[in-house]
C-alpha atoms as a PDB file:
ATOM      1  CA  MET A   1     127.754  89.025 158.590  1.00  0.00           C
ATOM      2  CA  ASN A   2     128.251  88.352 162.574  1.00  0.00           C
ATOM      3  CA  LYS A   3     125.151  90.467 163.310  1.00  0.00           C
ATOM      4  CA  LEU A   4     123.476  87.911 161.186  1.00  0.00           C
ATOM      5  CA  LYS A   5     124.919  84.952 162.566  1.00  0.00           C
ATOM      6  CA  GLU A   6     124.300  85.927 165.806  1.00  0.00           C
ATOM      7  CA  ARG A   7     120.427  87.005 165.183  1.00  0.00           C
ATOM      8  CA  TRP A   8     119.795  83.752 163.061  1.00  0.00           C
ATOM      9  CA  GLY A   9     122.264  81.905 165.458  1.00  0.00           C
ATOM     10  CA  LEU A  10     124.241  80.290 162.642  1.00  0.00           C
ATOM     11  CA  LYS A  11     127.796  79.191 163.319  1.00  0.00           C
ATOM     12  CA  SER A  12     129.609  79.921 159.948  1.00  0.00           C
ATOM     13  CA  ASN A  13     129.866  82.401 157.396  1.00  0.00           C
ATOM     14  CA  LEU A  14     129.003  79.334 155.152  1.00  0.00           C
ATOM     15  CA  GLN A  15     125.627  78.683 156.419  1.00  0.00           C
ATOM     16  CA  VAL A  16     124.990  82.521 156.196  1.00  0.00           C
ATOM     17  CA  ILE A  17     125.173  82.179 152.810  1.00  0.00           C
ATOM     18  CA  LEU A  18     123.452  78.791 152.299  1.00  0.00           C
ATOM     19  CA  VAL A  19     120.577  81.043 154.315  1.00  0.00           C
ATOM     20  CA  PHE A  20     120.745  83.620 151.215  1.00  0.00           C
ATOM     21  CA  VAL A  21     120.854  80.389 148.830  1.00  0.00           C
ATOM     22  CA  VAL A  22     118.098  78.843 149.841  1.00  0.00           C
ATOM     23  CA  PHE A  23     115.791  81.860 150.552  1.00  0.00           C
ATOM     24  CA  SER A  24     116.399  82.712 146.510  1.00  0.00           C
ATOM     25  CA  ILE A  25     116.226  79.369 145.283  1.00  0.00           C
ATOM     26  CA  ASN A  26     112.703  78.689 147.242  1.00  0.00           C
ATOM     27  CA  GLY A  27     111.628  82.386 146.107  1.00  0.00           C
ATOM     28  CA  SER A  28     112.355  81.732 142.219  1.00  0.00           C
ATOM     29  CA  PHE A  29     110.611  78.244 142.825  1.00  0.00           C
ATOM     30  CA  ALA A  30     107.684  79.725 144.508  1.00  0.00           C
ATOM     31  CA  ALA A  31     107.083  82.389 141.932  1.00  0.00           C
ATOM     32  CA  LYS A  32     107.601  79.693 139.181  1.00  0.00           C
ATOM     33  CA  ILE A  33     104.934  76.941 140.296  1.00  0.00           C
ATOM     34  CA  ALA A  34     102.325  79.666 140.833  1.00  0.00           C
ATOM     35  CA  GLY A  35     101.626  80.093 137.595  1.00  0.00           C
ATOM     36  CA  PRO A  36     100.634  76.577 136.530  1.00  0.00           C
ATOM     37  CA  LEU A  37      98.971  76.486 139.756  1.00  0.00           C
ATOM     38  CA  THR A  38      97.037  79.601 139.025  1.00  0.00           C
ATOM     39  CA  HIS A  39      95.926  77.911 135.466  1.00  0.00           C
ATOM     40  CA  PHE A  40      94.743  75.115 137.324  1.00  0.00           C
ATOM     41  CA  ILE A  41      92.722  76.686 139.591  1.00  0.00           C
ATOM     42  CA  GLY A  42      91.125  78.070 136.330  1.00  0.00           C
ATOM     43  CA  LEU A  43      92.749  81.875 136.110  1.00  0.00           C
ATOM     44  CA  ASP A  44      94.076  82.952 133.418  1.00  0.00           C
ATOM     45  CA  HIS A  45      95.974  86.536 133.232  1.00  0.00           C
ATOM     46  CA  ASP A  46      94.836  87.114 130.166  1.00  0.00           C
ATOM     47  CA  SER A  47      90.972  86.642 131.050  1.00  0.00           C
ATOM     48  CA  THR A  48      90.982  87.199 134.839  1.00  0.00           C
ATOM     49  CA  ASN A  49      90.513  90.504 136.466  1.00  0.00           C
ATOM     50  CA  PRO A  50      93.300  91.678 137.810  1.00  0.00           C
ATOM     51  CA  TRP A  51      92.143  92.309 141.160  1.00  0.00           C
ATOM     52  CA  LEU A  52      91.001  88.793 141.597  1.00  0.00           C
ATOM     53  CA  PHE A  53      93.735  87.419 139.600  1.00  0.00           C
ATOM     54  CA  TRP A  54      97.015  89.068 141.321  1.00  0.00           C
ATOM     55  CA  PRO A  55      95.961  88.375 145.089  1.00  0.00           C
ATOM     56  CA  VAL A  56      95.356  84.857 144.182  1.00  0.00           C
ATOM     57  CA  ARG A  57      98.214  84.495 142.515  1.00  0.00           C
ATOM     58  CA  ILE A  58     100.249  86.385 145.259  1.00  0.00           C
ATOM     59  CA  LEU A  59      98.487  84.347 148.210  1.00  0.00           C
ATOM     60  CA  LEU A  60      99.616  81.047 146.058  1.00  0.00           C
ATOM     61  CA  VAL A  61     103.317  82.065 146.465  1.00  0.00           C
ATOM     62  CA  PHE A  62     103.122  82.476 150.095  1.00  0.00           C
ATOM     63  CA  VAL A  63     101.436  79.300 150.457  1.00  0.00           C
ATOM     64  CA  VAL A  64     103.971  77.801 148.336  1.00  0.00           C
ATOM     65  CA  TYR A  65     107.001  79.259 149.498  1.00  0.00           C
ATOM     66  CA  GLN A  66     106.038  78.157 153.024  1.00  0.00           C
ATOM     67  CA  ILE A  67     105.459  74.792 152.211  1.00  0.00           C
ATOM     68  CA  THR A  68     108.497  74.500 150.185  1.00  0.00           C
ATOM     69  CA  LEU A  69     110.972  76.720 152.382  1.00  0.00           C
ATOM     70  CA  PRO A  70     111.653  73.645 155.033  1.00  0.00           C
ATOM     71  CA  LEU A  71     111.956  71.131 152.159  1.00  0.00           C
ATOM     72  CA  VAL A  72     114.741  73.368 150.311  1.00  0.00           C
ATOM     73  CA  GLY A  73     116.516  73.870 153.512  1.00  0.00           C
ATOM     74  CA  TYR A  74     116.295  70.451 154.276  1.00  0.00           C
ATOM     75  CA  CYS A  75     118.453  69.695 150.594  1.00  0.00           C
ATOM     76  CA  PHE A  76     121.121  72.507 151.954  1.00  0.00           C
ATOM     77  CA  GLY A  77     121.564  70.905 155.479  1.00  0.00           C
ATOM     78  CA  LEU A  78     119.290  74.095 157.291  1.00  0.00           C
ATOM     79  CA  TYR A  79     115.708  71.926 157.999  1.00  0.00           C
ATOM     80  CA  ASP A  80     115.106  73.348 161.648  1.00  0.00           C
ATOM     81  CA  PHE A  81     116.436  76.965 160.550  1.00  0.00           C
ATOM     82  CA  PHE A  82     113.891  77.328 158.007  1.00  0.00           C
ATOM     83  CA  TRP A  83     111.233  74.846 159.861  1.00  0.00           C
ATOM     84  CA  ASN A  84     111.326  77.492 162.652  1.00  0.00           C
ATOM     85  CA  PHE A  85     111.148  80.479 160.203  1.00  0.00           C
ATOM     86  CA  SER A  86     108.274  79.137 158.699  1.00  0.00           C
ATOM     87  CA  LYS A  87     106.820  78.668 161.857  1.00  0.00           C
ATOM     88  CA  LYS A  88     107.805  82.032 162.956  1.00  0.00           C
ATOM     89  CA  THR A  89     106.119  83.165 159.852  1.00  0.00           C
ATOM     90  CA  LEU A  90     102.829  81.530 159.590  1.00  0.00           C
ATOM     91  CA  SER A  91     102.376  82.357 163.639  1.00  0.00           C
ATOM     92  CA  ARG A  92     102.545  86.247 162.657  1.00  0.00           C
ATOM     93  CA  VAL A  93      99.916  85.642 160.071  1.00  0.00           C
ATOM     94  CA  GLY A  94      97.616  83.764 162.287  1.00  0.00           C
ATOM     95  CA  PHE A  95      98.330  80.612 162.873  1.00  0.00           C
ATOM     96  CA  LYS A  96      99.924  80.638 166.306  1.00  0.00           C
ATOM     97  CA  ARG A  97      97.497  78.649 167.708  1.00  0.00           C
ATOM     98  CA  PHE A  98      97.908  75.724 165.252  1.00  0.00           C
ATOM     99  CA  PHE A  99     101.661  75.133 166.281  1.00  0.00           C
ATOM    100  CA  LYS A 100     100.689  75.951 170.160  1.00  0.00           C
ATOM    101  CA  GLU A 101      98.869  72.671 169.900  1.00  0.00           C
ATOM    102  CA  LYS A 102     101.086  70.600 167.790  1.00  0.00           C
ATOM    103  CA  GLU A 103     103.780  71.834 170.690  1.00  0.00           C
ATOM    104  CA  ASN A 104     101.449  70.304 172.957  1.00  0.00           C
ATOM    105  CA  LEU A 105     100.770  66.984 171.832  1.00  0.00           C
ATOM    106  CA  LYS A 106     104.517  66.042 171.585  1.00  0.00           C
ATOM    107  CA  ALA A 107     104.977  67.109 175.292  1.00  0.00           C
END
Protein backbone atom coordinates (compact mmCIF):
# COMPACT_ATOMS: atom_id res chain seq x y z
CA MET A 1 0.00 0.00 0.00
CA ASN A 2 2.84 2.38 0.76
CA LYS A 3 4.19 2.08 -2.79
CA LEU A 4 0.78 2.96 -4.22
CA LYS A 5 0.34 5.88 -1.84
CA GLU A 6 3.75 7.22 -2.81
CA ARG A 7 3.27 6.66 -6.55
CA TRP A 8 -0.20 8.20 -6.65
CA GLY A 9 0.48 10.95 -4.11
CA LEU A 10 -2.18 9.75 -1.69
CA LYS A 11 -2.07 10.34 2.04
CA SER A 12 -3.90 7.40 3.56
CA ASN A 13 -4.77 3.76 3.02
CA LEU A 14 -8.43 4.78 2.88
CA GLN A 15 -7.70 6.92 -0.19
CA VAL A 16 -6.02 3.96 -1.89
CA ILE A 17 -9.07 1.80 -1.17
CA LEU A 18 -11.37 4.56 -2.48
CA VAL A 19 -9.30 4.74 -5.68
CA PHE A 20 -9.85 1.01 -6.22
CA VAL A 21 -13.57 1.39 -5.48
CA VAL A 22 -13.90 4.26 -7.97
CA PHE A 23 -12.03 2.31 -10.67
CA SER A 24 -14.28 -0.72 -10.21
CA ILE A 25 -17.54 1.24 -10.05
CA ASN A 26 -16.62 3.33 -13.07
CA GLY A 27 -15.46 0.32 -15.11
CA SER A 28 -18.72 -1.51 -14.47
CA PHE A 29 -20.71 1.63 -15.22
CA ALA A 30 -18.90 2.30 -18.50
CA ALA A 31 -19.37 -1.30 -19.67
CA LYS A 32 -23.06 -1.20 -18.74
CA ILE A 33 -23.72 2.14 -20.48
CA ALA A 34 -21.89 1.09 -23.66
CA GLY A 35 -24.61 -1.49 -24.35
CA PRO A 36 -27.49 0.98 -24.76
CA LEU A 37 -25.19 3.43 -26.58
CA THR A 38 -24.22 0.75 -29.07
CA HIS A 39 -27.89 -0.06 -29.62
CA PHE A 40 -28.71 3.67 -29.90
CA ILE A 41 -26.28 4.15 -32.79
CA GLY A 42 -27.85 1.19 -34.56
CA LEU A 43 -25.41 -1.62 -33.86
CA ASP A 44 -26.86 -4.85 -32.53
CA HIS A 45 -24.74 -7.78 -31.36
CA ASP A 46 -26.83 -10.31 -33.28
CA SER A 47 -27.13 -8.47 -36.61
CA THR A 48 -23.79 -6.63 -36.84
CA ASN A 49 -20.53 -8.11 -38.01
CA PRO A 50 -18.37 -8.78 -34.92
CA TRP A 51 -15.40 -7.08 -36.65
CA LEU A 52 -17.40 -3.85 -36.55
CA PHE A 53 -19.44 -4.33 -33.39
CA TRP A 54 -16.64 -5.07 -30.90
CA PRO A 55 -14.20 -2.29 -31.87
CA VAL A 56 -17.05 0.24 -31.70
CA ARG A 57 -18.21 -1.17 -28.37
CA ILE A 58 -14.68 -1.06 -26.92
CA LEU A 59 -14.23 2.50 -28.16
CA LEU A 60 -17.52 3.50 -26.52
CA VAL A 61 -16.46 1.88 -23.23
CA PHE A 62 -13.18 3.81 -23.35
CA VAL A 63 -14.88 7.14 -24.07
CA VAL A 64 -17.57 6.69 -21.42
CA TYR A 65 -14.93 5.54 -18.92
CA GLN A 66 -12.76 8.62 -19.46
CA ILE A 67 -15.71 11.01 -19.25
CA THR A 68 -17.25 9.51 -16.14
CA LEU A 69 -14.05 8.74 -14.20
CA PRO A 70 -13.65 12.27 -12.78
CA LEU A 71 -17.39 12.42 -12.05
CA VAL A 72 -17.39 9.19 -10.05
CA GLY A 73 -14.14 10.29 -8.40
CA TYR A 74 -15.84 13.53 -7.38
CA CYS A 75 -18.53 11.55 -5.56
CA PHE A 76 -15.78 9.96 -3.46
CA GLY A 77 -13.87 13.20 -2.87
CA LEU A 78 -11.02 12.37 -5.24
CA TYR A 79 -11.87 14.58 -8.23
CA ASP A 80 -8.38 16.06 -8.66
CA PHE A 81 -6.72 12.64 -8.64
CA PHE A 82 -9.05 11.22 -11.26
CA TRP A 83 -9.09 14.37 -13.42
CA ASN A 84 -5.29 14.20 -13.59
CA PHE A 85 -5.46 10.45 -14.25
CA SER A 86 -7.89 10.99 -17.17
CA LYS A 87 -5.76 13.79 -18.61
CA LYS A 88 -2.68 11.57 -18.44
CA THR A 89 -4.49 8.67 -20.13
CA LEU A 90 -5.97 10.85 -22.87
CA SER A 91 -2.59 12.50 -23.45
CA ARG A 92 -1.08 9.09 -24.08
CA VAL A 93 -3.63 8.31 -26.81
CA GLY A 94 -3.14 11.57 -28.69
CA PHE A 95 -5.01 14.32 -26.86
CA LYS A 96 -1.88 15.88 -25.35
CA ARG A 97 -2.14 19.01 -27.47
CA PHE A 98 -5.71 19.66 -26.32
CA PHE A 99 -4.70 19.72 -22.65
CA LYS A 100 -1.60 21.82 -23.32
CA GLU A 101 -3.73 24.49 -25.03
CA LYS A 102 -6.23 24.50 -22.15
CA GLU A 103 -3.43 24.93 -19.60
CA ASN A 104 -1.96 27.83 -21.63
CA LEU A 105 -5.34 29.59 -21.62
CA LYS A 106 -5.42 29.50 -17.82
CA ALA A 107 -1.99 31.12 -17.49
